[in-house]
Amino acid sequence: KKGNVPITHAMTEKKELKMPVMALRFRPGDANQLLMAATCDGSVSFWHLGASKLVSSFKEEGNGIESAAYNTSGSLLATAGTDCKVRLYDPSHNNAIHSVLHEG
């Protein structure tokens, strides 16, 4: 399907994500070892490439994430989606620290 980016586990070749991936970002400062993947079902997953494993994940219930980005230091992660909210997270704990509703 157009827009689908399958992430496959390098060792088992098992497809790990089943929803279309809307954003892929390497976390700054991690020597390109931690990859964040955000999907249209609201899931955000963090993959350690060197260890070939899922480190952590969370889900924004009721939201389809359309975009995600780190700040330059990697200490904050912002997501934006179909619910018109921009959320800021502390990616080391997957805690939402701020949310802004876009009204327009």
PDB file of N, CA and C in Angstrom:
ATOM      1  N   LYS A   1       0.839  -1.188   0.000  1.00  0.00           N
ATOM      2  CA  LYS A   1       0.000   0.000   0.000  1.00  0.00           C
ATOM      3  C   LYS A   1       0.880   1.246   0.000  1.00  0.00           C
ATOM      4  N   LYS A   2       0.395   2.270  -0.636  1.00  0.00           N
ATOM      5  CA  LYS A   2       1.097   3.538  -0.635  1.00  0.00           C
ATOM      6  C   LYS A   2       1.108   4.101   0.784  1.00  0.00           C
ATOM      7  N   GLY A   3       2.272   4.541   1.244  1.00  0.00           N
ATOM      8  CA  GLY A   3       2.391   5.120   2.576  1.00  0.00           C
ATOM      9  C   GLY A   3       2.791   4.133   3.644  1.00  0.00           C
ATOM     10  N   ASN A   4       2.743   2.834   3.367  1.00  0.00           N
ATOM     11  CA  ASN A   4       3.153   1.840   4.348  1.00  0.00           C
ATOM     12  C   ASN A   4       4.659   1.672   4.319  1.00  0.00           C
ATOM     13  N   VAL A   5       5.267   1.711   5.486  1.00  0.00           N
ATOM     14  CA  VAL A   5       6.695   1.435   5.613  1.00  0.00           C
ATOM     15  C   VAL A   5       6.822   0.310   6.627  1.00  0.00           C
ATOM     16  N   PRO A   6       7.001  -0.937   6.155  1.00  0.00           N
ATOM     17  CA  PRO A   6       7.104  -2.023   7.132  1.00  0.00           C
ATOM     18  C   PRO A   6       8.436  -1.975   7.858  1.00  0.00           C
ATOM     19  N   ILE A   7       8.395  -2.154   9.175  1.00  0.00           N
ATOM     20  CA  ILE A   7       9.615  -2.301   9.954  1.00  0.00           C
ATOM     21  C   ILE A   7       9.712  -3.776  10.286  1.00  0.00           C
ATOM     22  N   THR A   8      10.798  -4.374   9.845  1.00  0.00           N
ATOM     23  CA  THR A   8      10.990  -5.806  10.009  1.00  0.00           C
ATOM     24  C   THR A   8      12.138  -6.046  10.966  1.00  0.00           C
ATOM     25  N   HIS A   9      11.929  -6.949  11.916  1.00  0.00           N
ATOM     26  CA  HIS A   9      12.973  -7.313  12.861  1.00  0.00           C
ATOM     27  C   HIS A   9      14.112  -7.973  12.095  1.00  0.00           C
ATOM     28  N   ALA A  10      15.320  -7.469  12.260  1.00  0.00           N
ATOM     29  CA  ALA A  10      16.458  -7.926  11.461  1.00  0.00           C
ATOM     30  C   ALA A  10      16.800  -9.394  11.695  1.00  0.00           C
ATOM     31  N   MET A  11      16.572  -9.914  12.891  1.00  0.00           N
ATOM     32  CA  MET A  11      16.951 -11.288  13.196  1.00  0.00           C
ATOM     33  C   MET A  11      15.864 -12.296  12.811  1.00  0.00           C
ATOM     34  N   THR A  12      14.612 -11.962  13.068  1.00  0.00           N
ATOM     35  CA  THR A  12      13.531 -12.925  12.848  1.00  0.00           C
ATOM     36  C   THR A  12      12.791 -12.695  11.542  1.00  0.00           C
ATOM     37  N   GLU A  13      12.990 -11.523  10.931  1.00  0.00           N
ATOM     38  CA  GLU A  13      12.280 -11.107   9.730  1.00  0.00           C
ATOM     39  C   GLU A  13      10.771 -11.006   9.955  1.00  0.00           C
ATOM     40  N   LYS A  14      10.356 -10.902  11.223  1.00  0.00           N
ATOM     41  CA  LYS A  14       8.948 -10.726  11.568  1.00  0.00           C
ATOM     42  C   LYS A  14       8.585  -9.252  11.435  1.00  0.00           C
ATOM     43  N   LYS A  15       7.475  -8.978  10.786  1.00  0.00           N
ATOM     44  CA  LYS A  15       7.003  -7.600  10.657  1.00  0.00           C
ATOM     45  C   LYS A  15       6.483  -7.149  12.023  1.00  0.00           C
ATOM     46  N   GLU A  16       7.043  -6.046  12.533  1.00  0.00           N
ATOM     47  CA  GLU A  16       6.736  -5.576  13.879  1.00  0.00           C
ATOM     48  C   GLU A  16       5.631  -4.518  13.919  1.00  0.00           C
ATOM     49  N   LEU A  17       5.505  -3.714  12.874  1.00  0.00           N
ATOM     50  CA  LEU A  17       4.480  -2.671  12.831  1.00  0.00           C
ATOM     51  C   LEU A  17       3.516  -2.968  11.697  1.00  0.00           C
ATOM     52  N   LYS A  18       2.232  -2.906  11.993  1.00  0.00           N
ATOM     53  CA  LYS A  18       1.246  -3.247  10.982  1.00  0.00           C
ATOM     54  C   LYS A  18       0.505  -2.034  10.417  1.00  0.00           C
ATOM     55  N   MET A  19       0.645  -0.891  11.058  1.00  0.00           N
ATOM     56  CA  MET A  19      -0.028   0.316  10.600  1.00  0.00           C
ATOM     57  C   MET A  19       0.925   1.146   9.745  1.00  0.00           C
ATOM     58  N   PRO A  20       0.391   1.975   8.862  1.00  0.00           N
ATOM     59  CA  PRO A  20       1.273   2.860   8.094  1.00  0.00           C
ATOM     60  C   PRO A  20       2.082   3.767   9.021  1.00  0.00           C
ATOM     61  N   VAL A  21       3.371   3.838   8.772  1.00  0.00           N
ATOM     62  CA  VAL A  21       4.268   4.686   9.553  1.00  0.00           C
ATOM     63  C   VAL A  21       4.218   6.095   8.970  1.00  0.00           C
ATOM     64  N   MET A  22       3.939   7.061   9.832  1.00  0.00           N
ATOM     65  CA  MET A  22       3.815   8.442   9.388  1.00  0.00           C
ATOM     66  C   MET A  22       5.074   9.259   9.645  1.00  0.00           C
ATOM     67  N   ALA A  23       5.906   8.824  10.613  1.00  0.00           N
ATOM     68  CA  ALA A  23       7.141   9.552  10.920  1.00  0.00           C
ATOM     69  C   ALA A  23       8.197   8.581  11.434  1.00  0.00           C
ATOM     70  N   LEU A  24       9.412   8.748  10.936  1.00  0.00           N
ATOM     71  CA  LEU A  24      10.586   8.018  11.424  1.00  0.00           C
ATOM     72  C   LEU A  24      11.651   9.050  11.753  1.00  0.00           C
ATOM     73  N   ARG A  25      12.207   8.981  12.949  1.00  0.00           N
ATOM     74  CA  ARG A  25      13.230   9.944  13.344  1.00  0.00           C
ATOM     75  C   ARG A  25      14.273   9.249  14.208  1.00  0.00           C
ATOM     76  N   PHE A  26      15.540   9.546  13.957  1.00  0.00           N
ATOM     77  CA  PHE A  26      16.599   9.135  14.858  1.00  0.00           C
ATOM     78  C   PHE A  26      16.676  10.137  15.994  1.00  0.00           C
ATOM     79  N   ARG A  27      16.880   9.644  17.221  1.00  0.00           N
ATOM     80  CA  ARG A  27      16.994  10.542  18.365  1.00  0.00           C
ATOM     81  C   ARG A  27      18.367  11.203  18.338  1.00  0.00           C
ATOM     82  N   PRO A  28      18.411  12.533  18.348  1.00  0.00           N
ATOM     83  CA  PRO A  28      19.694  13.236  18.342  1.00  0.00           C
ATOM     84  C   PRO A  28      20.542  12.848  19.555  1.00  0.00           C
ATOM     85  N   GLY A  29      21.829  12.716  19.329  1.00  0.00           N
ATOM     86  CA  GLY A  29      22.748  12.424  20.410  1.00  0.00           C
ATOM     87  C   GLY A  29      22.892  10.949  20.746  1.00  0.00           C
ATOM     88  N   ASP A  30      22.186  10.075  20.060  1.00  0.00           N
ATOM     89  CA  ASP A  30      22.266   8.632  20.343  1.00  0.00           C
ATOM     90  C   ASP A  30      23.040   7.881  19.273  1.00  0.00           C
ATOM     91  N   ALA A  31      23.875   8.571  18.528  1.00  0.00           N
ATOM     92  CA  ALA A  31      24.693   7.959  17.475  1.00  0.00           C
ATOM     93  C   ALA A  31      23.852   7.096  16.530  1.00  0.00           C
ATOM     94  N   ASN A  32      22.654   7.589  16.213  1.00  0.00           N
ATOM     95  CA  ASN A  32      21.738   6.899  15.296  1.00  0.00           C
ATOM     96  C   ASN A  32      21.412   5.473  15.729  1.00  0.00           C
ATOM     97  N   GLN A  33      21.370   5.253  17.041  1.00  0.00           N
ATOM     98  CA  GLN A  33      21.023   3.928  17.555  1.00  0.00           C
ATOM     99  C   GLN A  33      19.551   3.809  17.936  1.00  0.00           C
ATOM    100  N   LEU A  34      18.874   4.922  18.258  1.00  0.00           N
ATOM    101  CA  LEU A  34      17.480   4.883  18.681  1.00  0.00           C
ATOM    102  C   LEU A  34      16.605   5.512  17.599  1.00  0.00           C
ATOM    103  N   LEU A  35      15.728   4.703  17.054  1.00  0.00           N
ATOM    104  CA  LEU A  35      14.827   5.140  15.988  1.00  0.00           C
ATOM    105  C   LEU A  35      13.403   5.189  16.525  1.00  0.00           C
ATOM    106  N   MET A  36      12.735   6.331  16.344  1.00  0.00           N
ATOM    107  CA  MET A  36      11.336   6.494  16.736  1.00  0.00           C
ATOM    108  C   MET A  36      10.466   6.308  15.495  1.00  0.00           C
ATOM    109  N   ALA A  37       9.403   5.524  15.654  1.00  0.00           N
ATOM    110  CA  ALA A  37       8.433   5.329  14.578  1.00  0.00           C
ATOM    111  C   ALA A  37       7.052   5.666  15.115  1.00  0.00           C
ATOM    112  N   ALA A  38       6.345   6.567  14.428  1.00  0.00           N
ATOM    113  CA  ALA A  38       4.989   6.956  14.813  1.00  0.00           C
ATOM    114  C   ALA A  38       4.028   6.499  13.721  1.00  0.00           C
ATOM    115  N   THR A  39       2.922   5.894  14.129  1.00  0.00           N
ATOM    116  CA  THR A  39       1.983   5.330  13.160  1.00  0.00           C
ATOM    117  C   THR A  39       0.634   6.033  13.202  1.00  0.00           C
ATOM    118  N   CYS A  40      -0.160   5.763  12.179  1.00  0.00           N
ATOM    119  CA  CYS A  40      -1.454   6.444  12.055  1.00  0.00           C
ATOM    120  C   CYS A  40      -2.487   5.954  13.068  1.00  0.00           C
ATOM    121  N   ASP A  41      -2.180   4.906  13.837  1.00  0.00           N
ATOM    122  CA  ASP A  41      -3.113   4.487  14.891  1.00  0.00           C
ATOM    123  C   ASP A  41      -2.777   5.119  16.235  1.00  0.00           C
ATOM    124  N   GLY A  42      -1.795   6.050  16.259  1.00  0.00           N
ATOM    125  CA  GLY A  42      -1.429   6.751  17.483  1.00  0.00           C
ATOM    126  C   GLY A  42      -0.296   6.112  18.261  1.00  0.00           C
ATOM    127  N   SER A  43       0.314   5.063  17.723  1.00  0.00           N
ATOM    128  CA  SER A  43       1.417   4.388  18.416  1.00  0.00           C
ATOM    129  C   SER A  43       2.745   5.072  18.132  1.00  0.00           C
ATOM    130  N   VAL A  44       3.566   5.164  19.172  1.00  0.00           N
ATOM    131  CA  VAL A  44       4.929   5.661  19.046  1.00  0.00           C
ATOM    132  C   VAL A  44       5.835   4.587  19.626  1.00  0.00           C
ATOM    133  N   SER A  45       6.776   4.106  18.809  1.00  0.00           N
ATOM    134  CA  SER A  45       7.676   3.028  19.224  1.00  0.00           C
ATOM    135  C   SER A  45       9.114   3.499  19.109  1.00  0.00           C
ATOM    136  N   PHE A  46       9.942   3.027  20.044  1.00  0.00           N
ATOM    137  CA  PHE A  46      11.354   3.369  20.061  1.00  0.00           C
ATOM    138  C   PHE A  46      12.157   2.082  19.890  1.00  0.00           C
ATOM    139  N   TRP A  47      12.954   2.037  18.832  1.00  0.00           N
ATOM    140  CA  TRP A  47      13.710   0.838  18.469  1.00  0.00           C
ATOM    141  C   TRP A  47      15.199   1.099  18.639  1.00  0.00           C
ATOM    142  N   HIS A  48      15.895   0.191  19.333  1.00  0.00           N
ATOM    143  CA  HIS A  48      17.351   0.265  19.432  1.00  0.00           C
ATOM    144  C   HIS A  48      17.914  -0.561  18.289  1.00  0.00           C
ATOM    145  N   LEU A  49      18.570   0.099  17.356  1.00  0.00           N
ATOM    146  CA  LEU A  49      19.030  -0.576  16.153  1.00  0.00           C
ATOM    147  C   LEU A  49      20.198  -1.519  16.427  1.00  0.00           C
ATOM    148  N   GLY A  50      21.099  -1.129  17.323  1.00  0.00           N
ATOM    149  CA  GLY A  50      22.240  -1.981  17.630  1.00  0.00           C
ATOM    150  C   GLY A  50      21.819  -3.295  18.267  1.00  0.00           C
ATOM    151  N   ALA A  51      20.808  -3.249  19.122  1.00  0.00           N
ATOM    152  CA  ALA A  51      20.315  -4.453  19.804  1.00  0.00           C
ATOM    153  C   ALA A  51      19.187  -5.130  19.030  1.00  0.00           C
ATOM    154  N   SER A  52      18.698  -4.483  17.972  1.00  0.00           N
ATOM    155  CA  SER A  52      17.581  -5.011  17.163  1.00  0.00           C
ATOM    156  C   SER A  52      16.362  -5.348  18.016  1.00  0.00           C
ATOM    157  N   LYS A  53      15.976  -4.381  18.889  1.00  0.00           N
ATOM    158  CA  LYS A  53      14.802  -4.649  19.725  1.00  0.00           C
ATOM    159  C   LYS A  53      13.998  -3.385  20.003  1.00  0.00           C
ATOM    160  N   LEU A  54      12.740  -3.620  20.331  1.00  0.00           N
ATOM    161  CA  LEU A  54      11.842  -2.557  20.759  1.00  0.00           C
ATOM    162  C   LEU A  54      12.199  -2.198  22.190  1.00  0.00           C
ATOM    163  N   VAL A  55      12.499  -0.905  22.427  1.00  0.00           N
ATOM    164  CA  VAL A  55      12.886  -0.446  23.759  1.00  0.00           C
ATOM    165  C   VAL A  55      11.670  -0.052  24.572  1.00  0.00           C
ATOM    166  N   SER A  56      10.773   0.741  23.972  1.00  0.00           N
ATOM    167  CA  SER A  56       9.564   1.182  24.656  1.00  0.00           C
ATOM    168  C   SER A  56       8.570   1.684  23.626  1.00  0.00           C
ATOM    169  N   SER A  57       7.343   1.883  24.089  1.00  0.00           N
ATOM    170  CA  SER A  57       6.305   2.418  23.208  1.00  0.00           C
ATOM    171  C   SER A  57       5.178   3.004  24.045  1.00  0.00           C
ATOM    172  N   PHE A  58       4.378   3.827  23.409  1.00  0.00           N
ATOM    173  CA  PHE A  58       3.154   4.336  24.020  1.00  0.00           C
ATOM    174  C   PHE A  58       2.156   4.614  22.913  1.00  0.00           C
ATOM    175  N   LYS A  59       0.917   4.867  23.302  1.00  0.00           N
ATOM    176  CA  LYS A  59      -0.124   5.107  22.303  1.00  0.00           C
ATOM    177  C   LYS A  59      -0.961   6.313  22.703  1.00  0.00           C
ATOM    178  N   GLU A  60      -1.238   7.169  21.731  1.00  0.00           N
ATOM    179  CA  GLU A  60      -2.157   8.284  21.910  1.00  0.00           C
ATOM    180  C   GLU A  60      -3.536   7.774  21.488  1.00  0.00           C
ATOM    181  N   GLU A  61      -4.325   7.344  22.438  1.00  0.00           N
ATOM    182  CA  GLU A  61      -5.645   6.773  22.146  1.00  0.00           C
ATOM    183  C   GLU A  61      -6.533   7.790  21.434  1.00  0.00           C
ATOM    184  N   GLY A  62      -7.193   7.359  20.389  1.00  0.00           N
ATOM    185  CA  GLY A  62      -8.113   8.215  19.657  1.00  0.00           C
ATOM    186  C   GLY A  62      -7.448   9.213  18.734  1.00  0.00           C
ATOM    187  N   ASN A  63      -6.143   9.085  18.525  1.00  0.00           N
ATOM    188  CA  ASN A  63      -5.426  10.025  17.674  1.00  0.00           C
ATOM    189  C   ASN A  63      -4.641   9.271  16.616  1.00  0.00           C
ATOM    190  N   GLY A  64      -4.639   9.788  15.428  1.00  0.00           N
ATOM    191  CA  GLY A  64      -3.784   9.285  14.364  1.00  0.00           C
ATOM    192  C   GLY A  64      -2.614  10.229  14.204  1.00  0.00           C
ATOM    193  N   ILE A  65      -1.433   9.799  14.564  1.00  0.00           N
ATOM    194  CA  ILE A  65      -0.267  10.678  14.481  1.00  0.00           C
ATOM    195  C   ILE A  65       0.103  10.879  13.021  1.00  0.00           C
ATOM    196  N   GLU A  66       0.267  12.128  12.645  1.00  0.00           N
ATOM    197  CA  GLU A  66       0.634  12.472  11.274  1.00  0.00           C
ATOM    198  C   GLU A  66       2.050  13.017  11.167  1.00  0.00           C
ATOM    199  N   SER A  67       2.618  13.449  12.298  1.00  0.00           N
ATOM    200  CA  SER A  67       3.960  14.007  12.281  1.00  0.00           C
ATOM    201  C   SER A  67       4.564  13.884  13.673  1.00  0.00           C
ATOM    202  N   ALA A  68       5.893  13.752  13.719  1.00  0.00           N
ATOM    203  CA  ALA A  68       6.608  13.712  14.997  1.00  0.00           C
ATOM    204  C   ALA A  68       8.031  14.190  14.761  1.00  0.00           C
ATOM    205  N   ALA A  69       8.596  14.866  15.767  1.00  0.00           N
ATOM    206  CA  ALA A  69       9.965  15.382  15.631  1.00  0.00           C
ATOM    207  C   ALA A  69      10.562  15.601  17.013  1.00  0.00           C
ATOM    208  N   TYR A  70      11.893  15.434  17.084  1.00  0.00           N
ATOM    209  CA  TYR A  70      12.659  15.735  18.290  1.00  0.00           C
ATOM    210  C   TYR A  70      13.144  17.174  18.238  1.00  0.00           C
ATOM    211  N   ASN A  71      13.415  17.750  19.424  1.00  0.00           N
ATOM    212  CA  ASN A  71      14.160  19.004  19.447  1.00  0.00           C
ATOM    213  C   ASN A  71      15.631  18.657  19.182  1.00  0.00           C
ATOM    214  N   THR A  72      16.493  19.653  19.037  1.00  0.00           N
ATOM    215  CA  THR A  72      17.871  19.401  18.609  1.00  0.00           C
ATOM    216  C   THR A  72      18.681  18.580  19.608  1.00  0.00           C
ATOM    217  N   SER A  73      18.341  18.629  20.891  1.00  0.00           N
ATOM    218  CA  SER A  73      19.088  17.848  21.881  1.00  0.00           C
ATOM    219  C   SER A  73      18.511  16.445  22.080  1.00  0.00           C
ATOM    220  N   GLY A  74      17.302  16.204  21.575  1.00  0.00           N
ATOM    221  CA  GLY A  74      16.652  14.910  21.771  1.00  0.00           C
ATOM    222  C   GLY A  74      15.949  14.776  23.109  1.00  0.00           C
ATOM    223  N   SER A  75      15.862  15.869  23.864  1.00  0.00           N
ATOM    224  CA  SER A  75      15.243  15.822  25.190  1.00  0.00           C
ATOM    225  C   SER A  75      13.726  15.975  25.149  1.00  0.00           C
ATOM    226  N   LEU A  76      13.184  16.391  24.012  1.00  0.00           N
ATOM    227  CA  LEU A  76      11.738  16.523  23.836  1.00  0.00           C
ATOM    228  C   LEU A  76      11.328  15.894  22.511  1.00  0.00           C
ATOM    229  N   LEU A  77      10.148  15.318  22.508  1.00  0.00           N
ATOM    230  CA  LEU A  77       9.549  14.771  21.296  1.00  0.00           C
ATOM    231  C   LEU A  77       8.178  15.413  21.135  1.00  0.00           C
ATOM    232  N   ALA A  78       7.895  15.948  19.969  1.00  0.00           N
ATOM    233  CA  ALA A  78       6.590  16.541  19.684  1.00  0.00           C
ATOM    234  C   ALA A  78       5.849  15.654  18.696  1.00  0.00           C
ATOM    235  N   THR A  79       4.537  15.480  18.931  1.00  0.00           N
ATOM    236  CA  THR A  79       3.685  14.760  17.984  1.00  0.00           C
ATOM    237  C   THR A  79       2.511  15.651  17.612  1.00  0.00           C
ATOM    238  N   ALA A  80       1.982  15.436  16.415  1.00  0.00           N
ATOM    239  CA  ALA A  80       0.797  16.152  15.946  1.00  0.00           C
ATOM    240  C   ALA A  80      -0.036  15.165  15.150  1.00  0.00           C
ATOM    241  N   GLY A  81      -1.362  15.283  15.287  1.00  0.00           N
ATOM    242  CA  GLY A  81      -2.191  14.310  14.592  1.00  0.00           C
ATOM    243  C   GLY A  81      -3.587  14.786  14.287  1.00  0.00           C
ATOM    244  N   THR A  82      -4.432  13.816  14.031  1.00  0.00           N
ATOM    245  CA  THR A  82      -5.785  14.080  13.564  1.00  0.00           C
ATOM    246  C   THR A  82      -6.679  14.724  14.618  1.00  0.00           C
ATOM    247  N   ASP A  83      -6.299  14.676  15.892  1.00  0.00           N
ATOM    248  CA  ASP A  83      -7.111  15.320  16.931  1.00  0.00           C
ATOM    249  C   ASP A  83      -6.784  16.801  17.094  1.00  0.00           C
ATOM    250  N   CYS A  84      -5.912  17.331  16.227  1.00  0.00           N
ATOM    251  CA  CYS A  84      -5.523  18.749  16.203  1.00  0.00           C
ATOM    252  C   CYS A  84      -4.753  19.192  17.437  1.00  0.00           C
ATOM    253  N   LYS A  85      -4.146  18.257  18.160  1.00  0.00           N
ATOM    254  CA  LYS A  85      -3.325  18.599  19.313  1.00  0.00           C
ATOM    255  C   LYS A  85      -1.862  18.356  18.990  1.00  0.00           C
ATOM    256  N   VAL A  86      -1.035  19.247  19.516  1.00  0.00           N
ATOM    257  CA  VAL A  86       0.411  19.050  19.502  1.00  0.00           C
ATOM    258  C   VAL A  86       0.778  18.676  20.930  1.00  0.00           C
ATOM    259  N   ARG A  87       1.464  17.545  21.075  1.00  0.00           N
ATOM    260  CA  ARG A  87       1.860  17.076  22.396  1.00  0.00           C
ATOM    261  C   ARG A  87       3.379  17.058  22.488  1.00  0.00           C
ATOM    262  N   LEU A  88       3.888  17.435  23.667  1.00  0.00           N
ATOM    263  CA  LEU A  88       5.318  17.357  23.948  1.00  0.00           C
ATOM    264  C   LEU A  88       5.546  16.254  24.967  1.00  0.00           C
ATOM    265  N   TYR A  89       6.546  15.433  24.708  1.00  0.00           N
ATOM    266  CA  TYR A  89       6.877  14.303  25.573  1.00  0.00           C
ATOM    267  C   TYR A  89       8.316  14.400  26.044  1.00  0.00           C
ATOM    268  N   ASP A  90       8.555  13.848  27.226  1.00  0.00           N
ATOM    269  CA  ASP A  90       9.900  13.540  27.680  1.00  0.00           C
ATOM    270  C   ASP A  90      10.150  12.117  27.188  1.00  0.00           C
ATOM    271  N   PRO A  91      10.940  11.941  26.128  1.00  0.00           N
ATOM    272  CA  PRO A  91      11.078  10.614  25.537  1.00  0.00           C
ATOM    273  C   PRO A  91      11.811   9.602  26.410  1.00  0.00           C
ATOM    274  N   SER A  92      12.530  10.057  27.432  1.00  0.00           N
ATOM    275  CA  SER A  92      13.207   9.103  28.297  1.00  0.00           C
ATOM    276  C   SER A  92      12.231   8.391  29.233  1.00  0.00           C
ATOM    277  N   HIS A  93      11.038   8.978  29.442  1.00  0.00           N
ATOM    278  CA  HIS A  93      10.021   8.361  30.298  1.00  0.00           C
ATOM    279  C   HIS A  93       8.672   8.189  29.601  1.00  0.00           C
ATOM    280  N   ASN A  94       8.573   8.627  28.333  1.00  0.00           N
ATOM    281  CA  ASN A  94       7.315   8.577  27.573  1.00  0.00           C
ATOM    282  C   ASN A  94       6.189   9.323  28.273  1.00  0.00           C
ATOM    283  N   ASN A  95       6.526  10.369  28.992  1.00  0.00           N
ATOM    284  CA  ASN A  95       5.536  11.181  29.686  1.00  0.00           C
ATOM    285  C   ASN A  95       5.136  12.390  28.849  1.00  0.00           C
ATOM    286  N   ALA A  96       3.816  12.590  28.692  1.00  0.00           N
ATOM    287  CA  ALA A  96       3.325  13.810  28.050  1.00  0.00           C
ATOM    288  C   ALA A  96       3.513  14.947  29.065  1.00  0.00           C
ATOM    289  N   ILE A  97       4.204  16.003  28.637  1.00  0.00           N
ATOM    290  CA  ILE A  97       4.449  17.103  29.552  1.00  0.00           C
ATOM    291  C   ILE A  97       3.677  18.370  29.175  1.00  0.00           C
ATOM    292  N   HIS A  98       3.125  18.389  27.949  1.00  0.00           N
ATOM    293  CA  HIS A  98       2.364  19.557  27.528  1.00  0.00           C
ATOM    294  C   HIS A  98       1.527  19.197  26.299  1.00  0.00           C
ATOM    295  N   SER A  99       0.355  19.801  26.197  1.00  0.00           N
ATOM    296  CA  SER A  99      -0.529  19.578  25.045  1.00  0.00           C
ATOM    297  C   SER A  99      -1.178  20.889  24.663  1.00  0.00           C
ATOM    298  N   VAL A 100      -1.213  21.154  23.359  1.00  0.00           N
ATOM    299  CA  VAL A 100      -1.814  22.381  22.842  1.00  0.00           C
ATOM    300  C   VAL A 100      -2.817  22.011  21.764  1.00  0.00           C
ATOM    301  N   LEU A 101      -4.041  22.513  21.872  1.00  0.00           N
ATOM    302  CA  LEU A 101      -5.062  22.290  20.856  1.00  0.00           C
ATOM    303  C   LEU A 101      -4.977  23.382  19.811  1.00  0.00           C
ATOM    304  N   HIS A 102      -4.836  22.974  18.552  1.00  0.00           N
ATOM    305  CA  HIS A 102      -4.804  23.948  17.460  1.00  0.00           C
ATOM    306  C   HIS A 102      -6.248  24.203  17.027  1.00  0.00           C
ATOM    307  N   GLU A 103      -6.656  25.464  17.101  1.00  0.00           N
ATOM    308  CA  GLU A 103      -7.990  25.841  16.666  1.00  0.00           C
ATOM    309  C   GLU A 103      -7.843  26.760  15.470  1.00  0.00           C
ATOM    310  N   GLY A 104      -8.401  26.309  14.360  1.00  0.00           N
ATOM    311  CA  GLY A 104      -8.212  27.146  13.187  1.00  0.00           C
ATOM    312  C   GLY A 104      -9.199  26.966  12.131  1.00  0.00           C
TER     313      GLY A 104
END
